[in-house]
PDB file of N, CA and C in Angstrom:
ATOM      1  N   PHE A   1       0.834  -1.230  -0.019  1.00  0.00           N
ATOM      2  CA  PHE A   1       0.014   0.032  -0.008  1.00  0.00           C
ATOM      3  C   PHE A   1       0.869   1.247   0.013  1.00  0.00           C
ATOM      4  N   ARG A   2       0.336   2.230  -0.664  1.00  0.00           N
ATOM      5  CA  ARG A   2       1.012   3.556  -0.574  1.00  0.00           C
ATOM      6  C   ARG A   2       0.714   4.037   0.891  1.00  0.00           C
ATOM      7  N   ARG A   3       1.657   4.878   1.346  1.00  0.00           N
ATOM      8  CA  ARG A   3       1.550   5.397   2.758  1.00  0.00           C
ATOM      9  C   ARG A   3       0.265   6.194   2.940  1.00  0.00           C
ATOM     10  N   ASP A   4      -0.084   7.051   2.045  1.00  0.00           N
ATOM     11  CA  ASP A   4      -1.326   7.854   2.235  1.00  0.00           C
ATOM     12  C   ASP A   4      -2.607   7.001   2.207  1.00  0.00           C
ATOM     13  N   LEU A   5      -2.616   6.018   1.346  1.00  0.00           N
ATOM     14  CA  LEU A   5      -3.737   5.118   1.312  1.00  0.00           C
ATOM     15  C   LEU A   5      -3.826   4.347   2.610  1.00  0.00           C
ATOM     16  N   TYR A   6      -2.704   3.810   3.067  1.00  0.00           N
ATOM     17  CA  TYR A   6      -2.705   3.084   4.337  1.00  0.00           C
ATOM     18  C   TYR A   6      -3.185   3.956   5.498  1.00  0.00           C
ATOM     19  N   ASP A   7      -2.673   5.199   5.545  1.00  0.00           N
ATOM     20  CA  ASP A   7      -3.216   6.066   6.637  1.00  0.00           C
ATOM     21  C   ASP A   7      -4.702   6.284   6.579  1.00  0.00           C
ATOM     22  N   ARG A   8      -5.281   6.328   5.447  1.00  0.00           N
ATOM     23  CA  ARG A   8      -6.688   6.522   5.326  1.00  0.00           C
ATOM     24  C   ARG A   8      -7.464   5.272   5.770  1.00  0.00           C
ATOM     25  N   ILE A   9      -7.001   4.115   5.293  1.00  0.00           N
ATOM     26  CA  ILE A   9      -7.616   2.890   5.599  1.00  0.00           C
ATOM     27  C   ILE A   9      -7.465   2.493   7.082  1.00  0.00           C
ATOM     28  N   SER A  10      -6.318   2.760   7.661  1.00  0.00           N
ATOM     29  CA  SER A  10      -5.996   2.316   9.003  1.00  0.00           C
ATOM     30  C   SER A  10      -6.852   3.008  10.034  1.00  0.00           C
ATOM     31  N   SER A  11      -7.554   4.061   9.709  1.00  0.00           N
ATOM     32  CA  SER A  11      -8.398   4.746  10.641  1.00  0.00           C
ATOM     33  C   SER A  11      -9.778   4.060  10.808  1.00  0.00           C
ATOM     34  N   CYS A  12     -10.082   3.106   9.906  1.00  0.00           N
ATOM     35  CA  CYS A  12     -11.292   2.328   9.931  1.00  0.00           C
ATOM     36  C   CYS A  12     -11.048   0.960  10.552  1.00  0.00           C
ATOM     37  N   ILE A  13     -11.682   0.680  11.653  1.00  0.00           N
ATOM     38  CA  ILE A  13     -11.488  -0.608  12.315  1.00  0.00           C
ATOM     39  C   ILE A  13     -12.804  -1.382  12.292  1.00  0.00           C
ATOM     40  N   ILE A  14     -12.720  -2.566  11.740  1.00  0.00           N
ATOM     41  CA  ILE A  14     -13.887  -3.419  11.688  1.00  0.00           C
ATOM     42  C   ILE A  14     -13.514  -4.627  12.548  1.00  0.00           C
ATOM     43  N   LYS A  15     -14.305  -4.818  13.584  1.00  0.00           N
ATOM     44  CA  LYS A  15     -14.092  -5.930  14.542  1.00  0.00           C
ATOM     45  C   LYS A  15     -15.122  -7.018  14.236  1.00  0.00           C
ATOM     46  N   ILE A  16     -14.608  -8.205  13.855  1.00  0.00           N
ATOM     47  CA  ILE A  16     -15.477  -9.359  13.596  1.00  0.00           C
ATOM     48  C   ILE A  16     -15.056 -10.422  14.536  1.00  0.00           C
ATOM     49  N   PRO A  17     -15.959 -10.877  15.416  1.00  0.00           N
ATOM     50  CA  PRO A  17     -15.617 -11.883  16.371  1.00  0.00           C
ATOM     51  C   PRO A  17     -15.322 -13.246  15.618  1.00  0.00           C
ATOM     52  N   PRO A  18     -14.495 -14.097  16.272  1.00  0.00           N
ATOM     53  CA  PRO A  18     -14.204 -15.390  15.589  1.00  0.00           C
ATOM     54  C   PRO A  18     -15.475 -16.225  15.473  1.00  0.00           C
ATOM     55  N   LEU A  19     -15.412 -17.201  14.641  1.00  0.00           N
ATOM     56  CA  LEU A  19     -16.529 -18.040  14.362  1.00  0.00           C
ATOM     57  C   LEU A  19     -17.079 -18.740  15.651  1.00  0.00           C
ATOM     58  N   ARG A  20     -16.089 -19.195  16.463  1.00  0.00           N
ATOM     59  CA  ARG A  20     -16.487 -19.879  17.699  1.00  0.00           C
ATOM     60  C   ARG A  20     -17.415 -19.072  18.667  1.00  0.00           C
ATOM     61  N   GLU A  21     -17.323 -17.697  18.447  1.00  0.00           N
ATOM     62  CA  GLU A  21     -18.125 -16.794  19.314  1.00  0.00           C
ATOM     63  C   GLU A  21     -19.485 -16.423  18.627  1.00  0.00           C
ATOM     64  N   ARG A  22     -19.711 -16.901  17.416  1.00  0.00           N
ATOM     65  CA  ARG A  22     -20.935 -16.574  16.766  1.00  0.00           C
ATOM     66  C   ARG A  22     -21.572 -17.753  16.031  1.00  0.00           C
ATOM     67  N   MET A  23     -21.752 -18.819  16.816  1.00  0.00           N
ATOM     68  CA  MET A  23     -22.265 -20.064  16.302  1.00  0.00           C
ATOM     69  C   MET A  23     -23.652 -19.925  15.678  1.00  0.00           C
ATOM     70  N   GLU A  24     -24.392 -18.907  16.046  1.00  0.00           N
ATOM     71  CA  GLU A  24     -25.715 -18.665  15.485  1.00  0.00           C
ATOM     72  C   GLU A  24     -25.638 -18.333  13.936  1.00  0.00           C
ATOM     73  N   ASP A  25     -24.456 -17.997  13.457  1.00  0.00           N
ATOM     74  CA  ASP A  25     -24.277 -17.714  12.080  1.00  0.00           C
ATOM     75  C   ASP A  25     -23.828 -18.954  11.282  1.00  0.00           C
ATOM     76  N   LEU A  26     -23.550 -20.049  11.959  1.00  0.00           N
ATOM     77  CA  LEU A  26     -23.001 -21.258  11.375  1.00  0.00           C
ATOM     78  C   LEU A  26     -23.857 -21.741  10.203  1.00  0.00           C
ATOM     79  N   SER A  27     -25.139 -21.870  10.455  1.00  0.00           N
ATOM     80  CA  SER A  27     -26.027 -22.517   9.474  1.00  0.00           C
ATOM     81  C   SER A  27     -26.027 -21.642   8.206  1.00  0.00           C
ATOM     82  N   LEU A  28     -26.105 -20.370   8.348  1.00  0.00           N
ATOM     83  CA  LEU A  28     -26.185 -19.424   7.200  1.00  0.00           C
ATOM     84  C   LEU A  28     -24.841 -19.444   6.481  1.00  0.00           C
ATOM     85  N   LEU A  29     -23.777 -19.484   7.214  1.00  0.00           N
ATOM     86  CA  LEU A  29     -22.404 -19.546   6.592  1.00  0.00           C
ATOM     87  C   LEU A  29     -22.241 -20.845   5.817  1.00  0.00           C
ATOM     88  N   CYS A  30     -22.645 -21.931   6.364  1.00  0.00           N
ATOM     89  CA  CYS A  30     -22.492 -23.200   5.694  1.00  0.00           C
ATOM     90  C   CYS A  30     -23.287 -23.239   4.421  1.00  0.00           C
ATOM     91  N   GLU A  31     -24.524 -22.746   4.395  1.00  0.00           N
ATOM     92  CA  GLU A  31     -25.341 -22.686   3.215  1.00  0.00           C
ATOM     93  C   GLU A  31     -24.676 -21.865   2.081  1.00  0.00           C
ATOM     94  N   TYR A  32     -24.165 -20.722   2.478  1.00  0.00           N
ATOM     95  CA  TYR A  32     -23.500 -19.816   1.580  1.00  0.00           C
ATOM     96  C   TYR A  32     -22.219 -20.429   0.988  1.00  0.00           C
ATOM     97  N   LEU A  33     -21.425 -21.014   1.929  1.00  0.00           N
ATOM     98  CA  LEU A  33     -20.162 -21.586   1.485  1.00  0.00           C
ATOM     99  C   LEU A  33     -20.393 -22.842   0.655  1.00  0.00           C
ATOM    100  N   LEU A  34     -21.310 -23.612   0.984  1.00  0.00           N
ATOM    101  CA  LEU A  34     -21.571 -24.852   0.194  1.00  0.00           C
ATOM    102  C   LEU A  34     -22.072 -24.481  -1.201  1.00  0.00           C
ATOM    103  N   SER A  35     -22.908 -23.521  -1.300  1.00  0.00           N
ATOM    104  CA  SER A  35     -23.393 -23.060  -2.672  1.00  0.00           C
ATOM    105  C   SER A  35     -22.236 -22.508  -3.466  1.00  0.00           C
ATOM    106  N   ASP A  36     -21.334 -21.823  -2.799  1.00  0.00           N
ATOM    107  CA  ASP A  36     -20.103 -21.335  -3.555  1.00  0.00           C
ATOM    108  C   ASP A  36     -19.171 -22.454  -3.987  1.00  0.00           C
ATOM    109  N   ILE A  37     -18.945 -23.462  -3.118  1.00  0.00           N
ATOM    110  CA  ILE A  37     -18.154 -24.622  -3.409  1.00  0.00           C
ATOM    111  C   ILE A  37     -18.824 -25.454  -4.515  1.00  0.00           C
ATOM    112  N   ALA A  38     -20.138 -25.634  -4.491  1.00  0.00           N
ATOM    113  CA  ALA A  38     -20.828 -26.339  -5.512  1.00  0.00           C
ATOM    114  C   ALA A  38     -20.759 -25.689  -6.851  1.00  0.00           C
ATOM    115  N   GLU A  39     -20.906 -24.346  -6.802  1.00  0.00           N
ATOM    116  CA  GLU A  39     -20.873 -23.614  -8.111  1.00  0.00           C
ATOM    117  C   GLU A  39     -19.406 -23.688  -8.729  1.00  0.00           C
ATOM    118  N   SER A  40     -18.414 -23.506  -7.904  1.00  0.00           N
ATOM    119  CA  SER A  40     -17.082 -23.615  -8.462  1.00  0.00           C
ATOM    120  C   SER A  40     -16.715 -25.034  -8.895  1.00  0.00           C
ATOM    121  N   ASN A  41     -17.369 -26.021  -8.373  1.00  0.00           N
ATOM    122  CA  ASN A  41     -17.085 -27.394  -8.843  1.00  0.00           C
ATOM    123  C   ASN A  41     -18.110 -27.952  -9.798  1.00  0.00           C
ATOM    124  N   LYS A  42     -19.040 -27.076 -10.236  1.00  0.00           N
ATOM    125  CA  LYS A  42     -20.137 -27.425 -11.168  1.00  0.00           C
ATOM    126  C   LYS A  42     -20.965 -28.639 -10.613  1.00  0.00           C
ATOM    127  N   MET A  43     -21.314 -28.515  -9.332  1.00  0.00           N
ATOM    128  CA  MET A  43     -22.090 -29.526  -8.671  1.00  0.00           C
ATOM    129  C   MET A  43     -23.394 -28.834  -8.176  1.00  0.00           C
ATOM    130  N   SER A  44     -24.347 -29.671  -7.761  1.00  0.00           N
ATOM    131  CA  SER A  44     -25.522 -29.131  -7.084  1.00  0.00           C
ATOM    132  C   SER A  44     -25.643 -29.681  -5.688  1.00  0.00           C
ATOM    133  N   ILE A  45     -25.927 -28.864  -4.749  1.00  0.00           N
ATOM    134  CA  ILE A  45     -26.164 -29.257  -3.354  1.00  0.00           C
ATOM    135  C   ILE A  45     -27.536 -28.744  -2.905  1.00  0.00           C
ATOM    136  N   CYS A  46     -28.331 -29.627  -2.463  1.00  0.00           N
ATOM    137  CA  CYS A  46     -29.685 -29.205  -1.994  1.00  0.00           C
ATOM    138  C   CYS A  46     -29.617 -28.468  -0.683  1.00  0.00           C
ATOM    139  N   SER A  47     -29.104 -29.115   0.364  1.00  0.00           N
ATOM    140  CA  SER A  47     -29.034 -28.509   1.694  1.00  0.00           C
ATOM    141  C   SER A  47     -28.041 -29.271   2.543  1.00  0.00           C
ATOM    142  N   ILE A  48     -27.887 -28.733   3.730  1.00  0.00           N
ATOM    143  CA  ILE A  48     -27.031 -29.407   4.714  1.00  0.00           C
ATOM    144  C   ILE A  48     -27.926 -29.867   5.853  1.00  0.00           C
ATOM    145  N   SER A  49     -27.721 -31.075   6.338  1.00  0.00           N
ATOM    146  CA  SER A  49     -28.619 -31.596   7.324  1.00  0.00           C
ATOM    147  C   SER A  49     -28.383 -30.904   8.747  1.00  0.00           C
ATOM    148  N   ASN A  50     -29.418 -30.970   9.514  1.00  0.00           N
ATOM    149  CA  ASN A  50     -29.313 -30.390  10.856  1.00  0.00           C
ATOM    150  C   ASN A  50     -28.291 -31.181  11.731  1.00  0.00           C
ATOM    151  N   ASP A  51     -28.152 -32.464  11.449  1.00  0.00           N
ATOM    152  CA  ASP A  51     -27.220 -33.265  12.178  1.00  0.00           C
ATOM    153  C   ASP A  51     -25.733 -32.777  11.967  1.00  0.00           C
ATOM    154  N   VAL A  52     -25.462 -32.414  10.692  1.00  0.00           N
ATOM    155  CA  VAL A  52     -24.177 -31.871  10.403  1.00  0.00           C
ATOM    156  C   VAL A  52     -23.937 -30.546  11.060  1.00  0.00           C
ATOM    157  N   ILE A  53     -24.959 -29.696  11.027  1.00  0.00           N
ATOM    158  CA  ILE A  53     -24.896 -28.386  11.630  1.00  0.00           C
ATOM    159  C   ILE A  53     -24.702 -28.578  13.134  1.00  0.00           C
ATOM    160  N   ASP A  54     -25.373 -29.496  13.814  1.00  0.00           N
ATOM    161  CA  ASP A  54     -25.240 -29.730  15.243  1.00  0.00           C
ATOM    162  C   ASP A  54     -23.833 -30.219  15.570  1.00  0.00           C
ATOM    163  N   LYS A  55     -23.251 -31.094  14.729  1.00  0.00           N
ATOM    164  CA  LYS A  55     -21.847 -31.541  14.968  1.00  0.00           C
ATOM    165  C   LYS A  55     -20.927 -30.401  14.768  1.00  0.00           C
ATOM    166  N   LEU A  56     -21.127 -29.623  13.779  1.00  0.00           N
ATOM    167  CA  LEU A  56     -20.170 -28.438  13.481  1.00  0.00           C
ATOM    168  C   LEU A  56     -20.302 -27.421  14.650  1.00  0.00           C
ATOM    169  N   SER A  57     -21.473 -27.252  15.161  1.00  0.00           N
ATOM    170  CA  SER A  57     -21.638 -26.280  16.249  1.00  0.00           C
ATOM    171  C   SER A  57     -20.946 -26.680  17.529  1.00  0.00           C
ATOM    172  N   ASN A  58     -20.624 -27.958  17.708  1.00  0.00           N
ATOM    173  CA  ASN A  58     -19.938 -28.403  18.880  1.00  0.00           C
ATOM    174  C   ASN A  58     -18.411 -28.309  18.778  1.00  0.00           C
ATOM    175  N   TYR A  59     -17.975 -27.861  17.566  1.00  0.00           N
ATOM    176  CA  TYR A  59     -16.579 -27.734  17.302  1.00  0.00           C
ATOM    177  C   TYR A  59     -16.061 -26.364  17.573  1.00  0.00           C
ATOM    178  N   SER A  60     -14.881 -26.140  18.094  1.00  0.00           N
ATOM    179  CA  SER A  60     -14.378 -24.830  18.523  1.00  0.00           C
ATOM    180  C   SER A  60     -13.834 -23.977  17.405  1.00  0.00           C
ATOM    181  N   PHE A  61     -13.559 -24.572  16.211  1.00  0.00           N
ATOM    182  CA  PHE A  61     -12.977 -23.879  15.031  1.00  0.00           C
ATOM    183  C   PHE A  61     -11.775 -22.944  15.392  1.00  0.00           C
ATOM    184  N   PRO A  62     -10.699 -23.631  15.830  1.00  0.00           N
ATOM    185  CA  PRO A  62      -9.498 -22.857  16.078  1.00  0.00           C
ATOM    186  C   PRO A  62      -8.886 -22.219  14.777  1.00  0.00           C
ATOM    187  N   GLY A  63      -9.248 -22.790  13.651  1.00  0.00           N
ATOM    188  CA  GLY A  63      -8.805 -22.189  12.330  1.00  0.00           C
ATOM    189  C   GLY A  63      -9.787 -21.232  11.755  1.00  0.00           C
ATOM    190  N   ASN A  64     -10.825 -20.904  12.521  1.00  0.00           N
ATOM    191  CA  ASN A  64     -11.826 -19.917  12.109  1.00  0.00           C
ATOM    192  C   ASN A  64     -12.514 -20.334  10.804  1.00  0.00           C
ATOM    193  N   ILE A  65     -12.891 -19.375   9.967  1.00  0.00           N
ATOM    194  CA  ILE A  65     -13.694 -19.580   8.832  1.00  0.00           C
ATOM    195  C   ILE A  65     -12.948 -20.453   7.749  1.00  0.00           C
ATOM    196  N   ARG A  66     -11.652 -20.343   7.688  1.00  0.00           N
ATOM    197  CA  ARG A  66     -10.877 -21.136   6.662  1.00  0.00           C
ATOM    198  C   ARG A  66     -11.008 -22.634   7.116  1.00  0.00           C
ATOM    199  N   GLU A  67     -11.069 -22.909   8.352  1.00  0.00           N
ATOM    200  CA  GLU A  67     -11.179 -24.365   8.743  1.00  0.00           C
ATOM    201  C   GLU A  67     -12.569 -24.833   8.354  1.00  0.00           C
ATOM    202  N   LEU A  68     -13.610 -23.991   8.522  1.00  0.00           N
ATOM    203  CA  LEU A  68     -14.935 -24.352   8.079  1.00  0.00           C
ATOM    204  C   LEU A  68     -14.972 -24.666   6.643  1.00  0.00           C
ATOM    205  N   ILE A  69     -14.349 -23.813   5.855  1.00  0.00           N
ATOM    206  CA  ILE A  69     -14.291 -24.010   4.377  1.00  0.00           C
ATOM    207  C   ILE A  69     -13.614 -25.338   4.032  1.00  0.00           C
ATOM    208  N   ASN A  70     -12.558 -25.664   4.735  1.00  0.00           N
ATOM    209  CA  ASN A  70     -11.844 -26.866   4.469  1.00  0.00           C
ATOM    210  C   ASN A  70     -12.746 -28.073   4.817  1.00  0.00           C
ATOM    211  N   ILE A  71     -13.402 -28.008   5.934  1.00  0.00           N
ATOM    212  CA  ILE A  71     -14.361 -29.094   6.321  1.00  0.00           C
ATOM    213  C   ILE A  71     -15.411 -29.267   5.322  1.00  0.00           C
ATOM    214  N   LEU A  72     -15.990 -28.219   4.848  1.00  0.00           N
ATOM    215  CA  LEU A  72     -17.090 -28.292   3.911  1.00  0.00           C
ATOM    216  C   LEU A  72     -16.565 -28.780   2.569  1.00  0.00           C
ATOM    217  N   ASN A  73     -15.366 -28.515   2.200  1.00  0.00           N
ATOM    218  CA  ASN A  73     -14.848 -29.016   0.928  1.00  0.00           C
ATOM    219  C   ASN A  73     -14.674 -30.565   1.010  1.00  0.00           C
ATOM    220  N   MET A  74     -14.539 -31.122   2.218  1.00  0.00           N
ATOM    221  CA  MET A  74     -14.370 -32.597   2.329  1.00  0.00           C
ATOM    222  C   MET A  74     -15.713 -33.253   2.287  1.00  0.00           C
ATOM    223  N   LEU A  75     -16.879 -32.621   2.462  1.00  0.00           N
ATOM    224  CA  LEU A  75     -18.110 -33.239   2.414  1.00  0.00           C
ATOM    225  C   LEU A  75     -18.500 -33.806   1.039  1.00  0.00           C
TER     226      LEU A  75
END
């Protein structure tokens, strides 16, 4: 970044809590990410089961959203 651009951007702080602190967003994130994964792989996915969401919600996600993406890519 150029210094002047960095100075302008650095004054804006956006705080987003880690995934483990906002499990209520997990279902919506999974649906979005799965549709993105399916589209990029030219596949179709109907939905994700509640059992899978329940199991994911019991996980602490130390790797945050990238770890969720990796898990969903394995499904």
